[in-house]
Structures are given as C-alpha cells and as structure tokens.
Amino acid sequence: YCNVKLLLSIWDYGTDAWGNGTLVT
C-alpha cells in the first residue's frame, strides 16, 4: 500500500491518504 502524508490545504492539520494496494507474489 502506498501512503502519503499531506496537507489538503494551507488550513489542514494533516491528512493520511492510502491507495488500494498492489499485490506482490
């Protein structure tokens, strides 16, 4: 899973975004 910690705007305290994942076998 990809994870990105970001600010949605200058007023955002912080957002944690996640992807849906990619399978590695």
PDBML (XML) file of the C-alpha atoms, coordinates in Angstrom:
<?xml version="1.0" encoding="UTF-8" ?>
<PDBx:datablock datablockName="MODEL"
   xmlns:PDBx="http://pdbml.pdb.org/schema/pdbx-v50.xsd"
   xmlns:xsi="http://www.w3.org/2001/XMLSchema-instance"
   xsi:schemaLocation="http://pdbml.pdb.org/schema/pdbx-v50.xsd pdbx-v50.xsd">
   <PDBx:atom_siteCategory>
      <PDBx:atom_site id="1">
         <PDBx:B_iso_or_equiv>0.00</PDBx:B_iso_or_equiv>
         <PDBx:Cartn_x>0.000</PDBx:Cartn_x>
         <PDBx:Cartn_y>0.000</PDBx:Cartn_y>
         <PDBx:Cartn_z>0.000</PDBx:Cartn_z>
         <PDBx:auth_asym_id>A</PDBx:auth_asym_id>
         <PDBx:auth_atom_id>CA</PDBx:auth_atom_id>
         <PDBx:auth_comp_id>TYR</PDBx:auth_comp_id>
         <PDBx:auth_seq_id>1</PDBx:auth_seq_id>
         <PDBx:group_PDB>ATOM</PDBx:group_PDB>
         <PDBx:label_alt_id xsi:nil="true" />
         <PDBx:label_asym_id>A</PDBx:label_asym_id>
         <PDBx:label_atom_id>CA</PDBx:label_atom_id>
         <PDBx:label_comp_id>TYR</PDBx:label_comp_id>
         <PDBx:label_entity_id>1</PDBx:label_entity_id>
         <PDBx:label_seq_id>1</PDBx:label_seq_id>
         <PDBx:occupancy>1.00</PDBx:occupancy>
         <PDBx:pdbx_PDB_model_num>1</PDBx:pdbx_PDB_model_num>
         <PDBx:type_symbol>C</PDBx:type_symbol>
      </PDBx:atom_site>
      <PDBx:atom_site id="2">
         <PDBx:B_iso_or_equiv>0.00</PDBx:B_iso_or_equiv>
         <PDBx:Cartn_x>1.117</PDBx:Cartn_x>
         <PDBx:Cartn_y>3.490</PDBx:Cartn_y>
         <PDBx:Cartn_z>-0.844</PDBx:Cartn_z>
         <PDBx:auth_asym_id>A</PDBx:auth_asym_id>
         <PDBx:auth_atom_id>CA</PDBx:auth_atom_id>
         <PDBx:auth_comp_id>CYS</PDBx:auth_comp_id>
         <PDBx:auth_seq_id>2</PDBx:auth_seq_id>
         <PDBx:group_PDB>ATOM</PDBx:group_PDB>
         <PDBx:label_alt_id xsi:nil="true" />
         <PDBx:label_asym_id>A</PDBx:label_asym_id>
         <PDBx:label_atom_id>CA</PDBx:label_atom_id>
         <PDBx:label_comp_id>CYS</PDBx:label_comp_id>
         <PDBx:label_entity_id>1</PDBx:label_entity_id>
         <PDBx:label_seq_id>2</PDBx:label_seq_id>
         <PDBx:occupancy>1.00</PDBx:occupancy>
         <PDBx:pdbx_PDB_model_num>1</PDBx:pdbx_PDB_model_num>
         <PDBx:type_symbol>C</PDBx:type_symbol>
      </PDBx:atom_site>
      <PDBx:atom_site id="3">
         <PDBx:B_iso_or_equiv>0.00</PDBx:B_iso_or_equiv>
         <PDBx:Cartn_x>0.843</PDBx:Cartn_x>
         <PDBx:Cartn_y>6.012</PDBx:Cartn_y>
         <PDBx:Cartn_z>1.972</PDBx:Cartn_z>
         <PDBx:auth_asym_id>A</PDBx:auth_asym_id>
         <PDBx:auth_atom_id>CA</PDBx:auth_atom_id>
         <PDBx:auth_comp_id>ASN</PDBx:auth_comp_id>
         <PDBx:auth_seq_id>3</PDBx:auth_seq_id>
         <PDBx:group_PDB>ATOM</PDBx:group_PDB>
         <PDBx:label_alt_id xsi:nil="true" />
         <PDBx:label_asym_id>A</PDBx:label_asym_id>
         <PDBx:label_atom_id>CA</PDBx:label_atom_id>
         <PDBx:label_comp_id>ASN</PDBx:label_comp_id>
         <PDBx:label_entity_id>1</PDBx:label_entity_id>
         <PDBx:label_seq_id>3</PDBx:label_seq_id>
         <PDBx:occupancy>1.00</PDBx:occupancy>
         <PDBx:pdbx_PDB_model_num>1</PDBx:pdbx_PDB_model_num>
         <PDBx:type_symbol>C</PDBx:type_symbol>
      </PDBx:atom_site>
      <PDBx:atom_site id="4">
         <PDBx:B_iso_or_equiv>0.00</PDBx:B_iso_or_equiv>
         <PDBx:Cartn_x>1.070</PDBx:Cartn_x>
         <PDBx:Cartn_y>9.781</PDBx:Cartn_y>
         <PDBx:Cartn_z>1.643</PDBx:Cartn_z>
         <PDBx:auth_asym_id>A</PDBx:auth_asym_id>
         <PDBx:auth_atom_id>CA</PDBx:auth_atom_id>
         <PDBx:auth_comp_id>VAL</PDBx:auth_comp_id>
         <PDBx:auth_seq_id>4</PDBx:auth_seq_id>
         <PDBx:group_PDB>ATOM</PDBx:group_PDB>
         <PDBx:label_alt_id xsi:nil="true" />
         <PDBx:label_asym_id>A</PDBx:label_asym_id>
         <PDBx:label_atom_id>CA</PDBx:label_atom_id>
         <PDBx:label_comp_id>VAL</PDBx:label_comp_id>
         <PDBx:label_entity_id>1</PDBx:label_entity_id>
         <PDBx:label_seq_id>4</PDBx:label_seq_id>
         <PDBx:occupancy>1.00</PDBx:occupancy>
         <PDBx:pdbx_PDB_model_num>1</PDBx:pdbx_PDB_model_num>
         <PDBx:type_symbol>C</PDBx:type_symbol>
      </PDBx:atom_site>
      <PDBx:atom_site id="5">
         <PDBx:B_iso_or_equiv>0.00</PDBx:B_iso_or_equiv>
         <PDBx:Cartn_x>1.019</PDBx:Cartn_x>
         <PDBx:Cartn_y>12.258</PDBx:Cartn_y>
         <PDBx:Cartn_z>4.493</PDBx:Cartn_z>
         <PDBx:auth_asym_id>A</PDBx:auth_asym_id>
         <PDBx:auth_atom_id>CA</PDBx:auth_atom_id>
         <PDBx:auth_comp_id>LYS</PDBx:auth_comp_id>
         <PDBx:auth_seq_id>5</PDBx:auth_seq_id>
         <PDBx:group_PDB>ATOM</PDBx:group_PDB>
         <PDBx:label_alt_id xsi:nil="true" />
         <PDBx:label_asym_id>A</PDBx:label_asym_id>
         <PDBx:label_atom_id>CA</PDBx:label_atom_id>
         <PDBx:label_comp_id>LYS</PDBx:label_comp_id>
         <PDBx:label_entity_id>1</PDBx:label_entity_id>
         <PDBx:label_seq_id>5</PDBx:label_seq_id>
         <PDBx:occupancy>1.00</PDBx:occupancy>
         <PDBx:pdbx_PDB_model_num>1</PDBx:pdbx_PDB_model_num>
         <PDBx:type_symbol>C</PDBx:type_symbol>
      </PDBx:atom_site>
      <PDBx:atom_site id="6">
         <PDBx:B_iso_or_equiv>0.00</PDBx:B_iso_or_equiv>
         <PDBx:Cartn_x>-0.121</PDBx:Cartn_x>
         <PDBx:Cartn_y>15.604</PDBx:Cartn_y>
         <PDBx:Cartn_z>3.183</PDBx:Cartn_z>
         <PDBx:auth_asym_id>A</PDBx:auth_asym_id>
         <PDBx:auth_atom_id>CA</PDBx:auth_atom_id>
         <PDBx:auth_comp_id>LEU</PDBx:auth_comp_id>
         <PDBx:auth_seq_id>6</PDBx:auth_seq_id>
         <PDBx:group_PDB>ATOM</PDBx:group_PDB>
         <PDBx:label_alt_id xsi:nil="true" />
         <PDBx:label_asym_id>A</PDBx:label_asym_id>
         <PDBx:label_atom_id>CA</PDBx:label_atom_id>
         <PDBx:label_comp_id>LEU</PDBx:label_comp_id>
         <PDBx:label_entity_id>1</PDBx:label_entity_id>
         <PDBx:label_seq_id>6</PDBx:label_seq_id>
         <PDBx:occupancy>1.00</PDBx:occupancy>
         <PDBx:pdbx_PDB_model_num>1</PDBx:pdbx_PDB_model_num>
         <PDBx:type_symbol>C</PDBx:type_symbol>
      </PDBx:atom_site>
      <PDBx:atom_site id="7">
         <PDBx:B_iso_or_equiv>0.00</PDBx:B_iso_or_equiv>
         <PDBx:Cartn_x>-1.934</PDBx:Cartn_x>
         <PDBx:Cartn_y>18.859</PDBx:Cartn_y>
         <PDBx:Cartn_z>3.695</PDBx:Cartn_z>
         <PDBx:auth_asym_id>A</PDBx:auth_asym_id>
         <PDBx:auth_atom_id>CA</PDBx:auth_atom_id>
         <PDBx:auth_comp_id>LEU</PDBx:auth_comp_id>
         <PDBx:auth_seq_id>7</PDBx:auth_seq_id>
         <PDBx:group_PDB>ATOM</PDBx:group_PDB>
         <PDBx:label_alt_id xsi:nil="true" />
         <PDBx:label_asym_id>A</PDBx:label_asym_id>
         <PDBx:label_atom_id>CA</PDBx:label_atom_id>
         <PDBx:label_comp_id>LEU</PDBx:label_comp_id>
         <PDBx:label_entity_id>1</PDBx:label_entity_id>
         <PDBx:label_seq_id>7</PDBx:label_seq_id>
         <PDBx:occupancy>1.00</PDBx:occupancy>
         <PDBx:pdbx_PDB_model_num>1</PDBx:pdbx_PDB_model_num>
         <PDBx:type_symbol>C</PDBx:type_symbol>
      </PDBx:atom_site>
      <PDBx:atom_site id="8">
         <PDBx:B_iso_or_equiv>0.00</PDBx:B_iso_or_equiv>
         <PDBx:Cartn_x>-5.114</PDBx:Cartn_x>
         <PDBx:Cartn_y>19.210</PDBx:Cartn_y>
         <PDBx:Cartn_z>1.673</PDBx:Cartn_z>
         <PDBx:auth_asym_id>A</PDBx:auth_asym_id>
         <PDBx:auth_atom_id>CA</PDBx:auth_atom_id>
         <PDBx:auth_comp_id>LEU</PDBx:auth_comp_id>
         <PDBx:auth_seq_id>8</PDBx:auth_seq_id>
         <PDBx:group_PDB>ATOM</PDBx:group_PDB>
         <PDBx:label_alt_id xsi:nil="true" />
         <PDBx:label_asym_id>A</PDBx:label_asym_id>
         <PDBx:label_atom_id>CA</PDBx:label_atom_id>
         <PDBx:label_comp_id>LEU</PDBx:label_comp_id>
         <PDBx:label_entity_id>1</PDBx:label_entity_id>
         <PDBx:label_seq_id>8</PDBx:label_seq_id>
         <PDBx:occupancy>1.00</PDBx:occupancy>
         <PDBx:pdbx_PDB_model_num>1</PDBx:pdbx_PDB_model_num>
         <PDBx:type_symbol>C</PDBx:type_symbol>
      </PDBx:atom_site>
      <PDBx:atom_site id="9">
         <PDBx:B_iso_or_equiv>0.00</PDBx:B_iso_or_equiv>
         <PDBx:Cartn_x>-4.899</PDBx:Cartn_x>
         <PDBx:Cartn_y>22.973</PDBx:Cartn_y>
         <PDBx:Cartn_z>2.073</PDBx:Cartn_z>
         <PDBx:auth_asym_id>A</PDBx:auth_asym_id>
         <PDBx:auth_atom_id>CA</PDBx:auth_atom_id>
         <PDBx:auth_comp_id>SER</PDBx:auth_comp_id>
         <PDBx:auth_seq_id>9</PDBx:auth_seq_id>
         <PDBx:group_PDB>ATOM</PDBx:group_PDB>
         <PDBx:label_alt_id xsi:nil="true" />
         <PDBx:label_asym_id>A</PDBx:label_asym_id>
         <PDBx:label_atom_id>CA</PDBx:label_atom_id>
         <PDBx:label_comp_id>SER</PDBx:label_comp_id>
         <PDBx:label_entity_id>1</PDBx:label_entity_id>
         <PDBx:label_seq_id>9</PDBx:label_seq_id>
         <PDBx:occupancy>1.00</PDBx:occupancy>
         <PDBx:pdbx_PDB_model_num>1</PDBx:pdbx_PDB_model_num>
         <PDBx:type_symbol>C</PDBx:type_symbol>
      </PDBx:atom_site>
      <PDBx:atom_site id="10">
         <PDBx:B_iso_or_equiv>0.00</PDBx:B_iso_or_equiv>
         <PDBx:Cartn_x>-2.934</PDBx:Cartn_x>
         <PDBx:Cartn_y>25.559</PDBx:Cartn_y>
         <PDBx:Cartn_z>3.988</PDBx:Cartn_z>
         <PDBx:auth_asym_id>A</PDBx:auth_asym_id>
         <PDBx:auth_atom_id>CA</PDBx:auth_atom_id>
         <PDBx:auth_comp_id>ILE</PDBx:auth_comp_id>
         <PDBx:auth_seq_id>10</PDBx:auth_seq_id>
         <PDBx:group_PDB>ATOM</PDBx:group_PDB>
         <PDBx:label_alt_id xsi:nil="true" />
         <PDBx:label_asym_id>A</PDBx:label_asym_id>
         <PDBx:label_atom_id>CA</PDBx:label_atom_id>
         <PDBx:label_comp_id>ILE</PDBx:label_comp_id>
         <PDBx:label_entity_id>1</PDBx:label_entity_id>
         <PDBx:label_seq_id>10</PDBx:label_seq_id>
         <PDBx:occupancy>1.00</PDBx:occupancy>
         <PDBx:pdbx_PDB_model_num>1</PDBx:pdbx_PDB_model_num>
         <PDBx:type_symbol>C</PDBx:type_symbol>
      </PDBx:atom_site>
      <PDBx:atom_site id="11">
         <PDBx:B_iso_or_equiv>0.00</PDBx:B_iso_or_equiv>
         <PDBx:Cartn_x>-5.518</PDBx:Cartn_x>
         <PDBx:Cartn_y>25.187</PDBx:Cartn_y>
         <PDBx:Cartn_z>6.783</PDBx:Cartn_z>
         <PDBx:auth_asym_id>A</PDBx:auth_asym_id>
         <PDBx:auth_atom_id>CA</PDBx:auth_atom_id>
         <PDBx:auth_comp_id>TRP</PDBx:auth_comp_id>
         <PDBx:auth_seq_id>11</PDBx:auth_seq_id>
         <PDBx:group_PDB>ATOM</PDBx:group_PDB>
         <PDBx:label_alt_id xsi:nil="true" />
         <PDBx:label_asym_id>A</PDBx:label_asym_id>
         <PDBx:label_atom_id>CA</PDBx:label_atom_id>
         <PDBx:label_comp_id>TRP</PDBx:label_comp_id>
         <PDBx:label_entity_id>1</PDBx:label_entity_id>
         <PDBx:label_seq_id>11</PDBx:label_seq_id>
         <PDBx:occupancy>1.00</PDBx:occupancy>
         <PDBx:pdbx_PDB_model_num>1</PDBx:pdbx_PDB_model_num>
         <PDBx:type_symbol>C</PDBx:type_symbol>
      </PDBx:atom_site>
      <PDBx:atom_site id="12">
         <PDBx:B_iso_or_equiv>0.00</PDBx:B_iso_or_equiv>
         <PDBx:Cartn_x>-5.265</PDBx:Cartn_x>
         <PDBx:Cartn_y>21.399</PDBx:Cartn_y>
         <PDBx:Cartn_z>7.033</PDBx:Cartn_z>
         <PDBx:auth_asym_id>A</PDBx:auth_asym_id>
         <PDBx:auth_atom_id>CA</PDBx:auth_atom_id>
         <PDBx:auth_comp_id>ASP</PDBx:auth_comp_id>
         <PDBx:auth_seq_id>12</PDBx:auth_seq_id>
         <PDBx:group_PDB>ATOM</PDBx:group_PDB>
         <PDBx:label_alt_id xsi:nil="true" />
         <PDBx:label_asym_id>A</PDBx:label_asym_id>
         <PDBx:label_atom_id>CA</PDBx:label_atom_id>
         <PDBx:label_comp_id>ASP</PDBx:label_comp_id>
         <PDBx:label_entity_id>1</PDBx:label_entity_id>
         <PDBx:label_seq_id>12</PDBx:label_seq_id>
         <PDBx:occupancy>1.00</PDBx:occupancy>
         <PDBx:pdbx_PDB_model_num>1</PDBx:pdbx_PDB_model_num>
         <PDBx:type_symbol>C</PDBx:type_symbol>
      </PDBx:atom_site>
      <PDBx:atom_site id="13">
         <PDBx:B_iso_or_equiv>0.00</PDBx:B_iso_or_equiv>
         <PDBx:Cartn_x>-3.648</PDBx:Cartn_x>
         <PDBx:Cartn_y>19.914</PDBx:Cartn_y>
         <PDBx:Cartn_z>10.144</PDBx:Cartn_z>
         <PDBx:auth_asym_id>A</PDBx:auth_asym_id>
         <PDBx:auth_atom_id>CA</PDBx:auth_atom_id>
         <PDBx:auth_comp_id>TYR</PDBx:auth_comp_id>
         <PDBx:auth_seq_id>13</PDBx:auth_seq_id>
         <PDBx:group_PDB>ATOM</PDBx:group_PDB>
         <PDBx:label_alt_id xsi:nil="true" />
         <PDBx:label_asym_id>A</PDBx:label_asym_id>
         <PDBx:label_atom_id>CA</PDBx:label_atom_id>
         <PDBx:label_comp_id>TYR</PDBx:label_comp_id>
         <PDBx:label_entity_id>1</PDBx:label_entity_id>
         <PDBx:label_seq_id>13</PDBx:label_seq_id>
         <PDBx:occupancy>1.00</PDBx:occupancy>
         <PDBx:pdbx_PDB_model_num>1</PDBx:pdbx_PDB_model_num>
         <PDBx:type_symbol>C</PDBx:type_symbol>
      </PDBx:atom_site>
      <PDBx:atom_site id="14">
         <PDBx:B_iso_or_equiv>0.00</PDBx:B_iso_or_equiv>
         <PDBx:Cartn_x>-2.662</PDBx:Cartn_x>
         <PDBx:Cartn_y>16.812</PDBx:Cartn_y>
         <PDBx:Cartn_z>8.233</PDBx:Cartn_z>
         <PDBx:auth_asym_id>A</PDBx:auth_asym_id>
         <PDBx:auth_atom_id>CA</PDBx:auth_atom_id>
         <PDBx:auth_comp_id>GLY</PDBx:auth_comp_id>
         <PDBx:auth_seq_id>14</PDBx:auth_seq_id>
         <PDBx:group_PDB>ATOM</PDBx:group_PDB>
         <PDBx:label_alt_id xsi:nil="true" />
         <PDBx:label_asym_id>A</PDBx:label_asym_id>
         <PDBx:label_atom_id>CA</PDBx:label_atom_id>
         <PDBx:label_comp_id>GLY</PDBx:label_comp_id>
         <PDBx:label_entity_id>1</PDBx:label_entity_id>
         <PDBx:label_seq_id>14</PDBx:label_seq_id>
         <PDBx:occupancy>1.00</PDBx:occupancy>
         <PDBx:pdbx_PDB_model_num>1</PDBx:pdbx_PDB_model_num>
         <PDBx:type_symbol>C</PDBx:type_symbol>
      </PDBx:atom_site>
      <PDBx:atom_site id="15">
         <PDBx:B_iso_or_equiv>0.00</PDBx:B_iso_or_equiv>
         <PDBx:Cartn_x>-4.214</PDBx:Cartn_x>
         <PDBx:Cartn_y>14.032</PDBx:Cartn_y>
         <PDBx:Cartn_z>6.198</PDBx:Cartn_z>
         <PDBx:auth_asym_id>A</PDBx:auth_asym_id>
         <PDBx:auth_atom_id>CA</PDBx:auth_atom_id>
         <PDBx:auth_comp_id>THR</PDBx:auth_comp_id>
         <PDBx:auth_seq_id>15</PDBx:auth_seq_id>
         <PDBx:group_PDB>ATOM</PDBx:group_PDB>
         <PDBx:label_alt_id xsi:nil="true" />
         <PDBx:label_asym_id>A</PDBx:label_asym_id>
         <PDBx:label_atom_id>CA</PDBx:label_atom_id>
         <PDBx:label_comp_id>THR</PDBx:label_comp_id>
         <PDBx:label_entity_id>1</PDBx:label_entity_id>
         <PDBx:label_seq_id>15</PDBx:label_seq_id>
         <PDBx:occupancy>1.00</PDBx:occupancy>
         <PDBx:pdbx_PDB_model_num>1</PDBx:pdbx_PDB_model_num>
         <PDBx:type_symbol>C</PDBx:type_symbol>
      </PDBx:atom_site>
      <PDBx:atom_site id="16">
         <PDBx:B_iso_or_equiv>0.00</PDBx:B_iso_or_equiv>
         <PDBx:Cartn_x>-3.158</PDBx:Cartn_x>
         <PDBx:Cartn_y>10.414</PDBx:Cartn_y>
         <PDBx:Cartn_z>5.826</PDBx:Cartn_z>
         <PDBx:auth_asym_id>A</PDBx:auth_asym_id>
         <PDBx:auth_atom_id>CA</PDBx:auth_atom_id>
         <PDBx:auth_comp_id>ASP</PDBx:auth_comp_id>
         <PDBx:auth_seq_id>16</PDBx:auth_seq_id>
         <PDBx:group_PDB>ATOM</PDBx:group_PDB>
         <PDBx:label_alt_id xsi:nil="true" />
         <PDBx:label_asym_id>A</PDBx:label_asym_id>
         <PDBx:label_atom_id>CA</PDBx:label_atom_id>
         <PDBx:label_comp_id>ASP</PDBx:label_comp_id>
         <PDBx:label_entity_id>1</PDBx:label_entity_id>
         <PDBx:label_seq_id>16</PDBx:label_seq_id>
         <PDBx:occupancy>1.00</PDBx:occupancy>
         <PDBx:pdbx_PDB_model_num>1</PDBx:pdbx_PDB_model_num>
         <PDBx:type_symbol>C</PDBx:type_symbol>
      </PDBx:atom_site>
      <PDBx:atom_site id="17">
         <PDBx:B_iso_or_equiv>0.00</PDBx:B_iso_or_equiv>
         <PDBx:Cartn_x>-4.022</PDBx:Cartn_x>
         <PDBx:Cartn_y>9.023</PDBx:Cartn_y>
         <PDBx:Cartn_z>2.394</PDBx:Cartn_z>
         <PDBx:auth_asym_id>A</PDBx:auth_asym_id>
         <PDBx:auth_atom_id>CA</PDBx:auth_atom_id>
         <PDBx:auth_comp_id>ALA</PDBx:auth_comp_id>
         <PDBx:auth_seq_id>17</PDBx:auth_seq_id>
         <PDBx:group_PDB>ATOM</PDBx:group_PDB>
         <PDBx:label_alt_id xsi:nil="true" />
         <PDBx:label_asym_id>A</PDBx:label_asym_id>
         <PDBx:label_atom_id>CA</PDBx:label_atom_id>
         <PDBx:label_comp_id>ALA</PDBx:label_comp_id>
         <PDBx:label_entity_id>1</PDBx:label_entity_id>
         <PDBx:label_seq_id>17</PDBx:label_seq_id>
         <PDBx:occupancy>1.00</PDBx:occupancy>
         <PDBx:pdbx_PDB_model_num>1</PDBx:pdbx_PDB_model_num>
         <PDBx:type_symbol>C</PDBx:type_symbol>
      </PDBx:atom_site>
      <PDBx:atom_site id="18">
         <PDBx:B_iso_or_equiv>0.00</PDBx:B_iso_or_equiv>
         <PDBx:Cartn_x>-3.883</PDBx:Cartn_x>
         <PDBx:Cartn_y>5.394</PDBx:Cartn_y>
         <PDBx:Cartn_z>1.307</PDBx:Cartn_z>
         <PDBx:auth_asym_id>A</PDBx:auth_asym_id>
         <PDBx:auth_atom_id>CA</PDBx:auth_atom_id>
         <PDBx:auth_comp_id>TRP</PDBx:auth_comp_id>
         <PDBx:auth_seq_id>18</PDBx:auth_seq_id>
         <PDBx:group_PDB>ATOM</PDBx:group_PDB>
         <PDBx:label_alt_id xsi:nil="true" />
         <PDBx:label_asym_id>A</PDBx:label_asym_id>
         <PDBx:label_atom_id>CA</PDBx:label_atom_id>
         <PDBx:label_comp_id>TRP</PDBx:label_comp_id>
         <PDBx:label_entity_id>1</PDBx:label_entity_id>
         <PDBx:label_seq_id>18</PDBx:label_seq_id>
         <PDBx:occupancy>1.00</PDBx:occupancy>
         <PDBx:pdbx_PDB_model_num>1</PDBx:pdbx_PDB_model_num>
         <PDBx:type_symbol>C</PDBx:type_symbol>
      </PDBx:atom_site>
      <PDBx:atom_site id="19">
         <PDBx:B_iso_or_equiv>0.00</PDBx:B_iso_or_equiv>
         <PDBx:Cartn_x>-4.003</PDBx:Cartn_x>
         <PDBx:Cartn_y>3.642</PDBx:Cartn_y>
         <PDBx:Cartn_z>-2.020</PDBx:Cartn_z>
         <PDBx:auth_asym_id>A</PDBx:auth_asym_id>
         <PDBx:auth_atom_id>CA</PDBx:auth_atom_id>
         <PDBx:auth_comp_id>GLY</PDBx:auth_comp_id>
         <PDBx:auth_seq_id>19</PDBx:auth_seq_id>
         <PDBx:group_PDB>ATOM</PDBx:group_PDB>
         <PDBx:label_alt_id xsi:nil="true" />
         <PDBx:label_asym_id>A</PDBx:label_asym_id>
         <PDBx:label_atom_id>CA</PDBx:label_atom_id>
         <PDBx:label_comp_id>GLY</PDBx:label_comp_id>
         <PDBx:label_entity_id>1</PDBx:label_entity_id>
         <PDBx:label_seq_id>19</PDBx:label_seq_id>
         <PDBx:occupancy>1.00</PDBx:occupancy>
         <PDBx:pdbx_PDB_model_num>1</PDBx:pdbx_PDB_model_num>
         <PDBx:type_symbol>C</PDBx:type_symbol>
      </PDBx:atom_site>
      <PDBx:atom_site id="20">
         <PDBx:B_iso_or_equiv>0.00</PDBx:B_iso_or_equiv>
         <PDBx:Cartn_x>-5.964</PDBx:Cartn_x>
         <PDBx:Cartn_y>0.470</PDBx:Cartn_y>
         <PDBx:Cartn_z>-2.656</PDBx:Cartn_z>
         <PDBx:auth_asym_id>A</PDBx:auth_asym_id>
         <PDBx:auth_atom_id>CA</PDBx:auth_atom_id>
         <PDBx:auth_comp_id>ASN</PDBx:auth_comp_id>
         <PDBx:auth_seq_id>20</PDBx:auth_seq_id>
         <PDBx:group_PDB>ATOM</PDBx:group_PDB>
         <PDBx:label_alt_id xsi:nil="true" />
         <PDBx:label_asym_id>A</PDBx:label_asym_id>
         <PDBx:label_atom_id>CA</PDBx:label_atom_id>
         <PDBx:label_comp_id>ASN</PDBx:label_comp_id>
         <PDBx:label_entity_id>1</PDBx:label_entity_id>
         <PDBx:label_seq_id>20</PDBx:label_seq_id>
         <PDBx:occupancy>1.00</PDBx:occupancy>
         <PDBx:pdbx_PDB_model_num>1</PDBx:pdbx_PDB_model_num>
         <PDBx:type_symbol>C</PDBx:type_symbol>
      </PDBx:atom_site>
      <PDBx:atom_site id="21">
         <PDBx:B_iso_or_equiv>0.00</PDBx:B_iso_or_equiv>
         <PDBx:Cartn_x>-2.845</PDBx:Cartn_x>
         <PDBx:Cartn_y>-1.648</PDBx:Cartn_y>
         <PDBx:Cartn_z>-2.826</PDBx:Cartn_z>
         <PDBx:auth_asym_id>A</PDBx:auth_asym_id>
         <PDBx:auth_atom_id>CA</PDBx:auth_atom_id>
         <PDBx:auth_comp_id>GLY</PDBx:auth_comp_id>
         <PDBx:auth_seq_id>21</PDBx:auth_seq_id>
         <PDBx:group_PDB>ATOM</PDBx:group_PDB>
         <PDBx:label_alt_id xsi:nil="true" />
         <PDBx:label_asym_id>A</PDBx:label_asym_id>
         <PDBx:label_atom_id>CA</PDBx:label_atom_id>
         <PDBx:label_comp_id>GLY</PDBx:label_comp_id>
         <PDBx:label_entity_id>1</PDBx:label_entity_id>
         <PDBx:label_seq_id>21</PDBx:label_seq_id>
         <PDBx:occupancy>1.00</PDBx:occupancy>
         <PDBx:pdbx_PDB_model_num>1</PDBx:pdbx_PDB_model_num>
         <PDBx:type_symbol>C</PDBx:type_symbol>
      </PDBx:atom_site>
      <PDBx:atom_site id="22">
         <PDBx:B_iso_or_equiv>0.00</PDBx:B_iso_or_equiv>
         <PDBx:Cartn_x>-1.000</PDBx:Cartn_x>
         <PDBx:Cartn_y>-3.738</PDBx:Cartn_y>
         <PDBx:Cartn_z>-5.372</PDBx:Cartn_z>
         <PDBx:auth_asym_id>A</PDBx:auth_asym_id>
         <PDBx:auth_atom_id>CA</PDBx:auth_atom_id>
         <PDBx:auth_comp_id>THR</PDBx:auth_comp_id>
         <PDBx:auth_seq_id>22</PDBx:auth_seq_id>
         <PDBx:group_PDB>ATOM</PDBx:group_PDB>
         <PDBx:label_alt_id xsi:nil="true" />
         <PDBx:label_asym_id>A</PDBx:label_asym_id>
         <PDBx:label_atom_id>CA</PDBx:label_atom_id>
         <PDBx:label_comp_id>THR</PDBx:label_comp_id>
         <PDBx:label_entity_id>1</PDBx:label_entity_id>
         <PDBx:label_seq_id>22</PDBx:label_seq_id>
         <PDBx:occupancy>1.00</PDBx:occupancy>
         <PDBx:pdbx_PDB_model_num>1</PDBx:pdbx_PDB_model_num>
         <PDBx:type_symbol>C</PDBx:type_symbol>
      </PDBx:atom_site>
      <PDBx:atom_site id="23">
         <PDBx:B_iso_or_equiv>0.00</PDBx:B_iso_or_equiv>
         <PDBx:Cartn_x>-0.356</PDBx:Cartn_x>
         <PDBx:Cartn_y>-7.442</PDBx:Cartn_y>
         <PDBx:Cartn_z>-4.894</PDBx:Cartn_z>
         <PDBx:auth_asym_id>A</PDBx:auth_asym_id>
         <PDBx:auth_atom_id>CA</PDBx:auth_atom_id>
         <PDBx:auth_comp_id>LEU</PDBx:auth_comp_id>
         <PDBx:auth_seq_id>23</PDBx:auth_seq_id>
         <PDBx:group_PDB>ATOM</PDBx:group_PDB>
         <PDBx:label_alt_id xsi:nil="true" />
         <PDBx:label_asym_id>A</PDBx:label_asym_id>
         <PDBx:label_atom_id>CA</PDBx:label_atom_id>
         <PDBx:label_comp_id>LEU</PDBx:label_comp_id>
         <PDBx:label_entity_id>1</PDBx:label_entity_id>
         <PDBx:label_seq_id>23</PDBx:label_seq_id>
         <PDBx:occupancy>1.00</PDBx:occupancy>
         <PDBx:pdbx_PDB_model_num>1</PDBx:pdbx_PDB_model_num>
         <PDBx:type_symbol>C</PDBx:type_symbol>
      </PDBx:atom_site>
      <PDBx:atom_site id="24">
         <PDBx:B_iso_or_equiv>0.00</PDBx:B_iso_or_equiv>
         <PDBx:Cartn_x>3.187</PDBx:Cartn_x>
         <PDBx:Cartn_y>-8.782</PDBx:Cartn_y>
         <PDBx:Cartn_z>-4.910</PDBx:Cartn_z>
         <PDBx:auth_asym_id>A</PDBx:auth_asym_id>
         <PDBx:auth_atom_id>CA</PDBx:auth_atom_id>
         <PDBx:auth_comp_id>VAL</PDBx:auth_comp_id>
         <PDBx:auth_seq_id>24</PDBx:auth_seq_id>
         <PDBx:group_PDB>ATOM</PDBx:group_PDB>
         <PDBx:label_alt_id xsi:nil="true" />
         <PDBx:label_asym_id>A</PDBx:label_asym_id>
         <PDBx:label_atom_id>CA</PDBx:label_atom_id>
         <PDBx:label_comp_id>VAL</PDBx:label_comp_id>
         <PDBx:label_entity_id>1</PDBx:label_entity_id>
         <PDBx:label_seq_id>24</PDBx:label_seq_id>
         <PDBx:occupancy>1.00</PDBx:occupancy>
         <PDBx:pdbx_PDB_model_num>1</PDBx:pdbx_PDB_model_num>
         <PDBx:type_symbol>C</PDBx:type_symbol>
      </PDBx:atom_site>
      <PDBx:atom_site id="25">
         <PDBx:B_iso_or_equiv>0.00</PDBx:B_iso_or_equiv>
         <PDBx:Cartn_x>3.558</PDBx:Cartn_x>
         <PDBx:Cartn_y>-12.545</PDBx:Cartn_y>
         <PDBx:Cartn_z>-5.022</PDBx:Cartn_z>
         <PDBx:auth_asym_id>A</PDBx:auth_asym_id>
         <PDBx:auth_atom_id>CA</PDBx:auth_atom_id>
         <PDBx:auth_comp_id>THR</PDBx:auth_comp_id>
         <PDBx:auth_seq_id>25</PDBx:auth_seq_id>
         <PDBx:group_PDB>ATOM</PDBx:group_PDB>
         <PDBx:label_alt_id xsi:nil="true" />
         <PDBx:label_asym_id>A</PDBx:label_asym_id>
         <PDBx:label_atom_id>CA</PDBx:label_atom_id>
         <PDBx:label_comp_id>THR</PDBx:label_comp_id>
         <PDBx:label_entity_id>1</PDBx:label_entity_id>
         <PDBx:label_seq_id>25</PDBx:label_seq_id>
         <PDBx:occupancy>1.00</PDBx:occupancy>
         <PDBx:pdbx_PDB_model_num>1</PDBx:pdbx_PDB_model_num>
         <PDBx:type_symbol>C</PDBx:type_symbol>
      </PDBx:atom_site>
   </PDBx:atom_siteCategory>
</PDBx:datablock>
